[in-house]
C-alpha atoms as a PDB file:
ATOM      1  CA  VAL A   1    -124.451  57.293-227.583  1.00  0.00           C
ATOM      2  CA  GLN A   2    -121.580  58.714-225.551  1.00  0.00           C
ATOM      3  CA  LEU A   3    -121.930  61.446-222.975  1.00  0.00           C
ATOM      4  CA  GLN A   4    -119.054  63.427-221.528  1.00  0.00           C
ATOM      5  CA  ALA A   5    -119.841  65.649-218.577  1.00  0.00           C
ATOM      6  CA  SER A   6    -117.481  68.371-217.483  1.00  0.00           C
ATOM      7  CA  GLY A   7    -117.283  71.656-215.647  1.00  0.00           C
ATOM      8  CA  GLY A   8    -117.668  70.549-212.066  1.00  0.00           C
ATOM      9  CA  GLY A   9    -115.507  71.935-209.308  1.00  0.00           C
ATOM     10  CA  LEU A  10    -115.386  73.746-206.002  1.00  0.00           C
ATOM     11  CA  VAL A  11    -117.431  76.908-205.569  1.00  0.00           C
ATOM     12  CA  GLN A  12    -118.398  79.013-202.579  1.00  0.00           C
ATOM     13  CA  ALA A  13    -121.974  79.259-201.427  1.00  0.00           C
ATOM     14  CA  GLY A  14    -123.807  81.936-203.359  1.00  0.00           C
ATOM     15  CA  GLY A  15    -121.629  81.429-206.402  1.00  0.00           C
ATOM     16  CA  SER A  16    -122.406  80.106-209.856  1.00  0.00           C
ATOM     17  CA  LEU A  17    -121.180  77.257-211.986  1.00  0.00           C
ATOM     18  CA  ARG A  18    -122.029  75.859-215.382  1.00  0.00           C
ATOM     19  CA  VAL A  19    -121.608  72.194-216.162  1.00  0.00           C
ATOM     20  CA  SER A  20    -121.624  70.790-219.672  1.00  0.00           C
ATOM     21  CA  CYS A  21    -122.419  67.514-221.340  1.00  0.00           C
ATOM     22  CA  ALA A  22    -121.140  66.741-224.815  1.00  0.00           C
ATOM     23  CA  VAL A  23    -123.176  64.221-226.782  1.00  0.00           C
ATOM     24  CA  SER A  24    -121.758  62.039-229.532  1.00  0.00           C
ATOM     25  CA  GLY A  25    -122.796  58.985-231.467  1.00  0.00           C
ATOM     26  CA  ARG A  26    -126.244  60.168-232.413  1.00  0.00           C
ATOM     27  CA  THR A  27    -127.014  62.288-235.448  1.00  0.00           C
ATOM     28  CA  ASP A  28    -130.774  62.801-235.145  1.00  0.00           C
ATOM     29  CA  ARG A  29    -132.347  65.202-232.660  1.00  0.00           C
ATOM     30  CA  ASN A  30    -135.176  63.021-231.446  1.00  0.00           C
ATOM     31  CA  TYR A  31    -134.292  62.570-227.835  1.00  0.00           C
ATOM     32  CA  VAL A  32    -134.488  64.184-224.432  1.00  0.00           C
ATOM     33  CA  MET A  33    -131.458  65.220-222.423  1.00  0.00           C
ATOM     34  CA  GLY A  34    -131.636  65.237-218.674  1.00  0.00           C
ATOM     35  CA  TRP A  35    -129.540  66.340-215.742  1.00  0.00           C
ATOM     36  CA  PHE A  36    -129.655  64.431-212.489  1.00  0.00           C
ATOM     37  CA  ARG A  37    -127.619  64.689-209.340  1.00  0.00           C
ATOM     38  CA  GLN A  38    -126.657  62.384-206.522  1.00  0.00           C
ATOM     39  CA  ALA A  39    -125.442  63.612-203.181  1.00  0.00           C
ATOM     40  CA  PRO A  40    -123.470  61.333-200.836  1.00  0.00           C
ATOM     41  CA  GLY A  41    -125.781  58.828-199.204  1.00  0.00           C
ATOM     42  CA  LYS A  42    -128.797  59.960-201.181  1.00  0.00           C
ATOM     43  CA  GLU A  43    -130.716  58.727-204.175  1.00  0.00           C
ATOM     44  CA  ARG A  44    -130.184  60.176-207.601  1.00  0.00           C
ATOM     45  CA  GLU A  45    -132.635  62.988-208.214  1.00  0.00           C
ATOM     46  CA  PHE A  46    -133.935  64.806-211.239  1.00  0.00           C
ATOM     47  CA  VAL A  47    -132.713  68.328-211.929  1.00  0.00           C
ATOM     48  CA  ALA A  48    -133.914  69.308-215.410  1.00  0.00           C
ATOM     49  CA  SER A  49    -134.522  68.035-218.927  1.00  0.00           C
ATOM     50  CA  ILE A  50    -134.707  69.449-222.429  1.00  0.00           C
ATOM     51  CA  THR A  51    -136.051  68.105-225.695  1.00  0.00           C
ATOM     52  CA  TRP A  52    -133.210  68.418-228.126  1.00  0.00           C
ATOM     53  CA  ARG A  53    -135.145  69.286-231.282  1.00  0.00           C
ATOM     54  CA  LEU A  54    -137.592  71.850-229.878  1.00  0.00           C
ATOM     55  CA  GLY A  55    -135.694  72.960-226.812  1.00  0.00           C
ATOM     56  CA  ARG A  56    -138.600  72.487-224.428  1.00  0.00           C
ATOM     57  CA  THR A  57    -137.397  72.495-220.860  1.00  0.00           C
ATOM     58  CA  TYR A  58    -138.623  70.989-217.642  1.00  0.00           C
ATOM     59  CA  HIS A  59    -137.078  71.859-214.295  1.00  0.00           C
ATOM     60  CA  SER A  60    -137.435  70.399-210.871  1.00  0.00           C
ATOM     61  CA  ASP A  61    -139.780  72.601-208.878  1.00  0.00           C
ATOM     62  CA  SER A  62    -137.344  72.780-206.003  1.00  0.00           C
ATOM     63  CA  LEU A  63    -134.525  74.040-208.227  1.00  0.00           C
ATOM     64  CA  LYS A  64    -136.453  76.176-210.669  1.00  0.00           C
ATOM     65  CA  GLY A  65    -135.225  79.727-210.616  1.00  0.00           C
ATOM     66  CA  ARG A  66    -131.692  78.800-209.645  1.00  0.00           C
ATOM     67  CA  PHE A  67    -130.866  76.100-212.191  1.00  0.00           C
ATOM     68  CA  THR A  68    -131.374  76.420-215.940  1.00  0.00           C
ATOM     69  CA  ILE A  69    -130.877  73.823-218.652  1.00  0.00           C
ATOM     70  CA  SER A  70    -130.005  74.812-222.203  1.00  0.00           C
ATOM     71  CA  ARG A  71    -128.383  73.343-225.301  1.00  0.00           C
ATOM     72  CA  ASP A  72    -126.098  74.332-228.130  1.00  0.00           C
ATOM     73  CA  ASN A  73    -127.011  72.469-231.285  1.00  0.00           C
ATOM     74  CA  ALA A  74    -123.842  73.349-233.134  1.00  0.00           C
ATOM     75  CA  LYS A  75    -121.689  71.950-230.338  1.00  0.00           C
ATOM     76  CA  ASN A  76    -123.970  69.006-229.481  1.00  0.00           C
ATOM     77  CA  THR A  77    -123.699  70.116-225.892  1.00  0.00           C
ATOM     78  CA  VAL A  78    -126.189  70.547-223.075  1.00  0.00           C
ATOM     79  CA  PHE A  79    -125.531  72.937-220.227  1.00  0.00           C
ATOM     80  CA  LEU A  80    -126.745  73.311-216.693  1.00  0.00           C
ATOM     81  CA  GLN A  81    -126.322  76.804-215.316  1.00  0.00           C
ATOM     82  CA  MET A  82    -126.410  76.803-211.527  1.00  0.00           C
ATOM     83  CA  ASN A  83    -126.763  80.062-209.609  1.00  0.00           C
ATOM     84  CA  SER A  84    -127.009  80.964-205.933  1.00  0.00           C
ATOM     85  CA  LEU A  85    -125.427  77.668-205.058  1.00  0.00           C
ATOM     86  CA  LYS A  86    -125.886  76.196-201.605  1.00  0.00           C
ATOM     87  CA  PRO A  87    -123.867  73.569-199.744  1.00  0.00           C
ATOM     88  CA  GLU A  88    -126.778  71.160-200.186  1.00  0.00           C
ATOM     89  CA  ASP A  89    -126.261  71.368-203.951  1.00  0.00           C
ATOM     90  CA  THR A  90    -123.052  69.415-203.473  1.00  0.00           C
ATOM     91  CA  ALA A  91    -123.383  66.276-205.578  1.00  0.00           C
ATOM     92  CA  VAL A  92    -122.205  64.402-208.611  1.00  0.00           C
ATOM     93  CA  TYR A  93    -124.109  65.757-211.569  1.00  0.00           C
ATOM     94  CA  TYR A  94    -124.997  63.323-214.336  1.00  0.00           C
ATOM     95  CA  CYS A  95    -126.311  63.905-217.824  1.00  0.00           C
ATOM     96  CA  ALA A  96    -128.453  61.316-219.517  1.00  0.00           C
ATOM     97  CA  VAL A  97    -130.279  60.621-222.763  1.00  0.00           C
ATOM     98  CA  ASP A  98    -133.813  59.360-223.191  1.00  0.00           C
ATOM     99  CA  PRO A  99    -134.100  58.101-226.788  1.00  0.00           C
ATOM    100  CA  ASN A 100    -137.814  57.456-226.434  1.00  0.00           C
ATOM    101  CA  MET A 101    -138.764  61.095-225.914  1.00  0.00           C
ATOM    102  CA  THR A 102    -140.497  60.444-222.611  1.00  0.00           C
ATOM    103  CA  GLY A 103    -138.184  62.559-220.483  1.00  0.00           C
ATOM    104  CA  GLY A 104    -139.251  63.969-217.167  1.00  0.00           C
ATOM    105  CA  PRO A 105    -138.026  63.112-213.689  1.00  0.00           C
ATOM    106  CA  ASN A 106    -138.130  59.324-213.863  1.00  0.00           C
ATOM    107  CA  LEU A 107    -134.543  58.206-214.240  1.00  0.00           C
ATOM    108  CA  ARG A 108    -135.714  54.881-215.681  1.00  0.00           C
ATOM    109  CA  ASN A 109    -136.682  56.761-218.835  1.00  0.00           C
ATOM    110  CA  TYR A 110    -133.033  57.469-219.552  1.00  0.00           C
ATOM    111  CA  ASP A 111    -130.995  54.769-221.251  1.00  0.00           C
ATOM    112  CA  TYR A 112    -127.604  56.433-221.589  1.00  0.00           C
ATOM    113  CA  TRP A 113    -125.627  58.095-218.829  1.00  0.00           C
ATOM    114  CA  GLY A 114    -122.457  60.120-218.606  1.00  0.00           C
ATOM    115  CA  GLN A 115    -119.789  59.539-216.001  1.00  0.00           C
ATOM    116  CA  GLY A 116    -120.808  62.488-213.846  1.00  0.00           C
ATOM    117  CA  THR A 117    -119.018  65.607-212.735  1.00  0.00           C
ATOM    118  CA  LEU A 118    -118.563  66.547-209.091  1.00  0.00           C
ATOM    119  CA  VAL A 119    -119.826  69.888-207.830  1.00  0.00           C
ATOM    120  CA  THR A 120    -118.787  70.882-204.329  1.00  0.00           C
ATOM    121  CA  VAL A 121    -120.268  73.963-202.686  1.00  0.00           C
ATOM    122  CA  SER A 122    -118.441  75.226-199.632  1.00  0.00           C
ATOM    123  CA  SER A 123    -120.126  77.199-196.873  1.00  0.00           C
END
């Protein structure tokens, strides 16, 4: 499984950004996709996940309402729409695959990781 994250960049506080993760190397739909983020000097934290086949989503309570995960089956791509961005959202955003369908916030459930895309929110 290969994951290619993209779409990061510099955005002003209050703005929006959508990051993407293209998935290749897997033809079935029996897995969970997750987004995590890691700010400088902090641990990697869970943002959201989605079951690929049914599209069931799970969002971090602290980010729910501002961040939304979605997928495009035809493009084999998962998105993370981020609205009302704050400087504390500055981080490298990683996508990951859990092939065992466990999902959720535990990063140990995810076996495959993309390279990350940097999101910087200026004040």
